[in-house]
Amino acid sequence: FGRSLYMFTYEYLKRSMSERQHVDIDSNRASPANLSIPQRMICAASAGMTCWAFIYPADVIRSRLYSQSLNSQSLPTTMDGIRLAQQMVRETGYQSLYRGMPISVARAGPVAAAILPVYDYMLDMIS
């Protein structure tokens, strides 16, 4: 789910930026392919930060389930995740689902800004 949100947001932001850039120019149709590398980097950083802000609580639960499963013979289930989330909220409040989020979101911007424009470039090369 996270990866699809990431890519959807990136593509949406590129299209939006492209349309805003070509509002008054009739001869040049708006196309994300016309965006510069810095513009693509801005879209990518925004998409990465948006995605991480949205999925962070689920990632915290996933990480805790994974670490618990290392000490167990059984694989975690969806119900285990729900119970873990309820336990975390009951014991330490909702902030336990967001501990460490600011640094993760801040890190997501530069990482996505470096990766997604390269992805676009490689996709253009093979197309």
Foldseek 3Di string as FASTA:
>chain_A
DLVVQLVVQLVVQLQVVQCVVCVPPPVDDRDSVPDDLVSSLQSQLVSQLVSCVVCQLVVLLVVVQVVVCVVPPDHDDPVNSVVVCVVQCVPPRPVSSCVPSVVSSVVRSNVRSVPVVVVVVVVVVVD
